[in-house]
Amino acid sequence: QVQLVESGGGLVQPGGSLRLSCTASVNIFSISSMGWYRQAPGKQRELVAVSIRGGGTNYTDSVKGRFTISMDYARAAVYLQMNSLKPEDTADYYCNAKGIAAGRFDTWGQGTQVTVSS
Protein backbone atom coordinates (compact mmCIF):
# COMPACT_ATOMS: atom_id res chain seq x y z
CA GLN A 1 0.00 0.00 0.00
CA VAL A 2 1.05 3.60 -0.58
CA GLN A 3 2.65 5.46 2.32
CA LEU A 4 3.05 9.23 2.60
CA VAL A 5 5.77 10.84 4.72
CA GLU A 6 5.26 14.48 5.70
CA SER A 7 7.64 17.07 7.10
CA GLY A 8 8.14 20.82 7.41
CA GLY A 9 5.67 21.87 10.06
CA GLY A 10 6.55 24.02 13.03
CA LEU A 11 6.09 27.33 14.80
CA VAL A 12 6.31 30.56 12.82
CA GLN A 13 5.44 34.20 13.44
CA PRO A 14 2.62 35.91 11.55
CA GLY A 15 3.88 36.98 8.14
CA GLY A 16 6.48 34.23 8.09
CA SER A 17 6.90 31.25 5.79
CA LEU A 18 7.03 27.47 5.94
CA ARG A 19 7.39 24.76 3.32
CA LEU A 20 5.64 21.44 3.81
CA SER A 21 6.90 18.32 2.04
CA CYS A 22 5.20 15.01 1.32
CA THR A 23 6.87 12.03 -0.36
CA ALA A 24 5.01 8.97 -1.62
CA SER A 25 6.34 5.40 -1.50
CA VAL A 26 5.05 4.67 -5.00
CA ASN A 27 6.13 5.69 -8.49
CA ILE A 28 4.74 9.07 -9.50
CA PHE A 29 3.05 7.52 -12.53
CA SER A 30 0.70 5.61 -10.22
CA ILE A 31 -0.56 8.92 -8.82
CA SER A 32 -3.24 11.10 -10.38
CA SER A 33 -3.24 13.91 -7.82
CA MET A 34 -1.66 15.03 -4.56
CA GLY A 35 -2.96 17.65 -2.20
CA TRP A 36 -2.92 19.23 1.22
CA TYR A 37 -5.76 19.42 3.73
CA ARG A 38 -5.83 21.01 7.18
CA GLN A 39 -7.84 20.64 10.36
CA ALA A 40 -7.95 23.14 13.20
CA PRO A 41 -9.21 22.23 16.69
CA GLY A 42 -13.00 22.02 16.73
CA LYS A 43 -13.29 22.37 12.95
CA GLN A 44 -13.73 19.98 10.04
CA ARG A 45 -10.88 19.03 7.76
CA GLU A 46 -10.77 21.29 4.71
CA LEU A 47 -9.01 21.24 1.38
CA VAL A 48 -6.10 23.68 1.14
CA ALA A 49 -4.62 22.94 -2.28
CA VAL A 50 -4.51 20.13 -4.83
CA SER A 51 -2.22 19.42 -7.78
CA ILE A 52 -3.15 17.20 -10.72
CA ARG A 53 -0.23 15.33 -12.26
CA GLY A 54 0.25 16.72 -15.74
CA GLY A 55 -2.51 19.23 -15.10
CA GLY A 56 -3.41 22.23 -13.01
CA THR A 57 -3.82 23.28 -9.41
CA ASN A 58 -6.64 24.47 -7.18
CA TYR A 59 -6.62 26.43 -3.92
CA THR A 60 -9.16 27.28 -1.28
CA ASP A 61 -10.00 30.98 -1.33
CA SER A 62 -8.41 31.77 2.02
CA VAL A 63 -4.89 30.83 0.83
CA LYS A 64 -4.94 32.13 -2.74
CA GLY A 65 -1.98 34.39 -3.41
CA ARG A 66 -0.13 33.16 -0.31
CA PHE A 67 0.32 29.39 -0.77
CA THR A 68 1.81 27.52 -3.72
CA ILE A 69 1.53 23.78 -4.34
CA SER A 70 3.99 21.97 -6.59
CA MET A 71 4.91 18.39 -7.54
CA ASP A 72 8.33 16.84 -8.08
CA TYR A 73 7.87 13.89 -10.43
CA ALA A 74 11.36 12.47 -9.89
CA ARG A 75 10.84 12.24 -6.12
CA ALA A 76 7.10 11.44 -6.18
CA ALA A 77 6.66 14.38 -3.86
CA VAL A 78 4.37 17.34 -3.34
CA TYR A 79 5.25 20.60 -1.61
CA LEU A 80 3.24 23.41 -0.10
CA GLN A 81 5.06 26.74 0.09
CA MET A 82 3.22 28.87 2.64
CA ASN A 83 4.00 32.58 2.71
CA SER A 84 2.43 35.49 4.61
CA LEU A 85 1.16 33.10 7.24
CA LYS A 86 -1.70 34.16 9.48
CA PRO A 87 -2.82 32.86 12.89
CA GLU A 88 -5.91 31.42 11.17
CA ASP A 89 -3.59 29.08 9.25
CA THR A 90 -2.80 27.24 12.49
CA ALA A 91 -3.85 23.61 12.04
CA ASP A 92 -2.70 20.08 11.48
CA TYR A 93 -1.84 19.70 7.80
CA TYR A 94 -2.38 16.37 6.02
CA CYS A 95 -1.01 15.19 2.70
CA ASN A 96 -3.29 13.22 0.38
CA ALA A 97 -2.59 11.17 -2.74
CA LYS A 98 -5.05 9.59 -5.16
CA GLY A 99 -4.18 6.86 -7.65
CA ILE A 100 -4.90 6.52 -11.33
CA ALA A 101 -7.92 4.50 -12.45
CA ALA A 102 -5.91 1.34 -13.15
CA GLY A 103 -4.81 1.11 -9.51
CA ARG A 104 -7.08 3.35 -7.49
CA PHE A 105 -6.02 4.41 -4.00
CA ASP A 106 -6.73 7.28 -1.63
CA THR A 107 -4.01 7.64 1.01
CA TRP A 108 -3.40 10.10 3.84
CA GLY A 109 -0.24 11.12 5.65
CA GLN A 110 0.10 11.25 9.43
CA GLY A 111 -0.19 15.03 9.61
CA THR A 112 2.21 17.81 10.54
CA GLN A 113 1.49 20.67 12.95
CA VAL A 114 1.64 24.27 11.78
CA THR A 115 1.36 26.97 14.44
CA VAL A 116 1.34 30.67 13.53
CA SER A 117 1.78 32.82 16.61
CA SER A 118 3.82 35.74 17.88
C-alpha atoms as a PDB file:
ATOM      1  CA  GLN A   1       0.000   0.000   0.000  1.00  0.00           C
ATOM      2  CA  VAL A   2       1.051   3.595  -0.577  1.00  0.00           C
ATOM      3  CA  GLN A   3       2.654   5.459   2.315  1.00  0.00           C
ATOM      4  CA  LEU A   4       3.051   9.226   2.603  1.00  0.00           C
ATOM      5  CA  VAL A   5       5.767  10.845   4.721  1.00  0.00           C
ATOM      6  CA  GLU A   6       5.261  14.477   5.702  1.00  0.00           C
ATOM      7  CA  SER A   7       7.638  17.073   7.100  1.00  0.00           C
ATOM      8  CA  GLY A   8       8.144  20.818   7.406  1.00  0.00           C
ATOM      9  CA  GLY A   9       5.667  21.874  10.063  1.00  0.00           C
ATOM     10  CA  GLY A  10       6.549  24.020  13.030  1.00  0.00           C
ATOM     11  CA  LEU A  11       6.092  27.331  14.803  1.00  0.00           C
ATOM     12  CA  VAL A  12       6.311  30.560  12.824  1.00  0.00           C
ATOM     13  CA  GLN A  13       5.440  34.204  13.444  1.00  0.00           C
ATOM     14  CA  PRO A  14       2.619  35.913  11.547  1.00  0.00           C
ATOM     15  CA  GLY A  15       3.884  36.982   8.142  1.00  0.00           C
ATOM     16  CA  GLY A  16       6.477  34.228   8.088  1.00  0.00           C
ATOM     17  CA  SER A  17       6.896  31.250   5.787  1.00  0.00           C
ATOM     18  CA  LEU A  18       7.030  27.468   5.942  1.00  0.00           C
ATOM     19  CA  ARG A  19       7.389  24.764   3.321  1.00  0.00           C
ATOM     20  CA  LEU A  20       5.642  21.436   3.809  1.00  0.00           C
ATOM     21  CA  SER A  21       6.898  18.317   2.042  1.00  0.00           C
ATOM     22  CA  CYS A  22       5.197  15.008   1.322  1.00  0.00           C
ATOM     23  CA  THR A  23       6.868  12.033  -0.356  1.00  0.00           C
ATOM     24  CA  ALA A  24       5.007   8.966  -1.617  1.00  0.00           C
ATOM     25  CA  SER A  25       6.341   5.403  -1.498  1.00  0.00           C
ATOM     26  CA  VAL A  26       5.048   4.671  -5.005  1.00  0.00           C
ATOM     27  CA  ASN A  27       6.131   5.692  -8.494  1.00  0.00           C
ATOM     28  CA  ILE A  28       4.742   9.074  -9.495  1.00  0.00           C
ATOM     29  CA  PHE A  29       3.050   7.516 -12.525  1.00  0.00           C
ATOM     30  CA  SER A  30       0.696   5.606 -10.222  1.00  0.00           C
ATOM     31  CA  ILE A  31      -0.565   8.922  -8.823  1.00  0.00           C
ATOM     32  CA  SER A  32      -3.237  11.099 -10.383  1.00  0.00           C
ATOM     33  CA  SER A  33      -3.238  13.913  -7.822  1.00  0.00           C
ATOM     34  CA  MET A  34      -1.664  15.027  -4.560  1.00  0.00           C
ATOM     35  CA  GLY A  35      -2.965  17.654  -2.198  1.00  0.00           C
ATOM     36  CA  TRP A  36      -2.924  19.226   1.224  1.00  0.00           C
ATOM     37  CA  TYR A  37      -5.757  19.424   3.734  1.00  0.00           C
ATOM     38  CA  ARG A  38      -5.829  21.007   7.177  1.00  0.00           C
ATOM     39  CA  GLN A  39      -7.844  20.640  10.356  1.00  0.00           C
ATOM     40  CA  ALA A  40      -7.951  23.142  13.203  1.00  0.00           C
ATOM     41  CA  PRO A  41      -9.214  22.229  16.692  1.00  0.00           C
ATOM     42  CA  GLY A  42     -13.003  22.022  16.730  1.00  0.00           C
ATOM     43  CA  LYS A  43     -13.286  22.369  12.955  1.00  0.00           C
ATOM     44  CA  GLN A  44     -13.728  19.977  10.041  1.00  0.00           C
ATOM     45  CA  ARG A  45     -10.881  19.029   7.761  1.00  0.00           C
ATOM     46  CA  GLU A  46     -10.767  21.288   4.713  1.00  0.00           C
ATOM     47  CA  LEU A  47      -9.006  21.243   1.379  1.00  0.00           C
ATOM     48  CA  VAL A  48      -6.104  23.685   1.141  1.00  0.00           C
ATOM     49  CA  ALA A  49      -4.622  22.935  -2.284  1.00  0.00           C
ATOM     50  CA  VAL A  50      -4.510  20.132  -4.835  1.00  0.00           C
ATOM     51  CA  SER A  51      -2.217  19.419  -7.777  1.00  0.00           C
ATOM     52  CA  ILE A  52      -3.152  17.195 -10.723  1.00  0.00           C
ATOM     53  CA  ARG A  53      -0.235  15.329 -12.259  1.00  0.00           C
ATOM     54  CA  GLY A  54       0.252  16.724 -15.742  1.00  0.00           C
ATOM     55  CA  GLY A  55      -2.509  19.226 -15.102  1.00  0.00           C
ATOM     56  CA  GLY A  56      -3.405  22.229 -13.012  1.00  0.00           C
ATOM     57  CA  THR A  57      -3.823  23.282  -9.406  1.00  0.00           C
ATOM     58  CA  ASN A  58      -6.641  24.473  -7.175  1.00  0.00           C
ATOM     59  CA  TYR A  59      -6.624  26.428  -3.919  1.00  0.00           C
ATOM     60  CA  THR A  60      -9.162  27.277  -1.281  1.00  0.00           C
ATOM     61  CA  ASP A  61      -9.998  30.985  -1.335  1.00  0.00           C
ATOM     62  CA  SER A  62      -8.406  31.771   2.023  1.00  0.00           C
ATOM     63  CA  VAL A  63      -4.894  30.825   0.830  1.00  0.00           C
ATOM     64  CA  LYS A  64      -4.937  32.129  -2.742  1.00  0.00           C
ATOM     65  CA  GLY A  65      -1.976  34.395  -3.410  1.00  0.00           C
ATOM     66  CA  ARG A  66      -0.131  33.163  -0.313  1.00  0.00           C
ATOM     67  CA  PHE A  67       0.320  29.395  -0.770  1.00  0.00           C
ATOM     68  CA  THR A  68       1.810  27.522  -3.724  1.00  0.00           C
ATOM     69  CA  ILE A  69       1.534  23.782  -4.339  1.00  0.00           C
ATOM     70  CA  SER A  70       3.989  21.967  -6.592  1.00  0.00           C
ATOM     71  CA  MET A  71       4.908  18.390  -7.541  1.00  0.00           C
ATOM     72  CA  ASP A  72       8.328  16.836  -8.077  1.00  0.00           C
ATOM     73  CA  TYR A  73       7.869  13.892 -10.434  1.00  0.00           C
ATOM     74  CA  ALA A  74      11.365  12.468  -9.889  1.00  0.00           C
ATOM     75  CA  ARG A  75      10.836  12.244  -6.123  1.00  0.00           C
ATOM     76  CA  ALA A  76       7.100  11.436  -6.178  1.00  0.00           C
ATOM     77  CA  ALA A  77       6.656  14.385  -3.861  1.00  0.00           C
ATOM     78  CA  VAL A  78       4.373  17.345  -3.344  1.00  0.00           C
ATOM     79  CA  TYR A  79       5.249  20.597  -1.608  1.00  0.00           C
ATOM     80  CA  LEU A  80       3.244  23.414  -0.098  1.00  0.00           C
ATOM     81  CA  GLN A  81       5.063  26.737   0.093  1.00  0.00           C
ATOM     82  CA  MET A  82       3.220  28.868   2.639  1.00  0.00           C
ATOM     83  CA  ASN A  83       3.995  32.582   2.712  1.00  0.00           C
ATOM     84  CA  SER A  84       2.433  35.492   4.605  1.00  0.00           C
ATOM     85  CA  LEU A  85       1.163  33.096   7.235  1.00  0.00           C
ATOM     86  CA  LYS A  86      -1.697  34.160   9.485  1.00  0.00           C
ATOM     87  CA  PRO A  87      -2.819  32.856  12.890  1.00  0.00           C
ATOM     88  CA  GLU A  88      -5.909  31.422  11.171  1.00  0.00           C
ATOM     89  CA  ASP A  89      -3.590  29.076   9.248  1.00  0.00           C
ATOM     90  CA  THR A  90      -2.797  27.242  12.492  1.00  0.00           C
ATOM     91  CA  ALA A  91      -3.852  23.614  12.041  1.00  0.00           C
ATOM     92  CA  ASP A  92      -2.699  20.078  11.483  1.00  0.00           C
ATOM     93  CA  TYR A  93      -1.840  19.696   7.798  1.00  0.00           C
ATOM     94  CA  TYR A  94      -2.376  16.374   6.020  1.00  0.00           C
ATOM     95  CA  CYS A  95      -1.012  15.188   2.703  1.00  0.00           C
ATOM     96  CA  ASN A  96      -3.293  13.221   0.379  1.00  0.00           C
ATOM     97  CA  ALA A  97      -2.588  11.170  -2.739  1.00  0.00           C
ATOM     98  CA  LYS A  98      -5.049   9.595  -5.163  1.00  0.00           C
ATOM     99  CA  GLY A  99      -4.181   6.862  -7.649  1.00  0.00           C
ATOM    100  CA  ILE A 100      -4.901   6.525 -11.329  1.00  0.00           C
ATOM    101  CA  ALA A 101      -7.917   4.501 -12.454  1.00  0.00           C
ATOM    102  CA  ALA A 102      -5.909   1.341 -13.153  1.00  0.00           C
ATOM    103  CA  GLY A 103      -4.813   1.113  -9.511  1.00  0.00           C
ATOM    104  CA  ARG A 104      -7.079   3.347  -7.488  1.00  0.00           C
ATOM    105  CA  PHE A 105      -6.024   4.406  -4.003  1.00  0.00           C
ATOM    106  CA  ASP A 106      -6.730   7.277  -1.626  1.00  0.00           C
ATOM    107  CA  THR A 107      -4.009   7.644   1.007  1.00  0.00           C
ATOM    108  CA  TRP A 108      -3.404  10.100   3.842  1.00  0.00           C
ATOM    109  CA  GLY A 109      -0.244  11.120   5.653  1.00  0.00           C
ATOM    110  CA  GLN A 110       0.105  11.246   9.431  1.00  0.00           C
ATOM    111  CA  GLY A 111      -0.191  15.032   9.611  1.00  0.00           C
ATOM    112  CA  THR A 112       2.205  17.810  10.536  1.00  0.00           C
ATOM    113  CA  GLN A 113       1.485  20.665  12.946  1.00  0.00           C
ATOM    114  CA  VAL A 114       1.636  24.272  11.781  1.00  0.00           C
ATOM    115  CA  THR A 115       1.355  26.974  14.439  1.00  0.00           C
ATOM    116  CA  VAL A 116       1.338  30.667  13.527  1.00  0.00           C
ATOM    117  CA  SER A 117       1.785  32.820  16.610  1.00  0.00           C
ATOM    118  CA  SER A 118       3.824  35.742  17.884  1.00  0.00           C
END
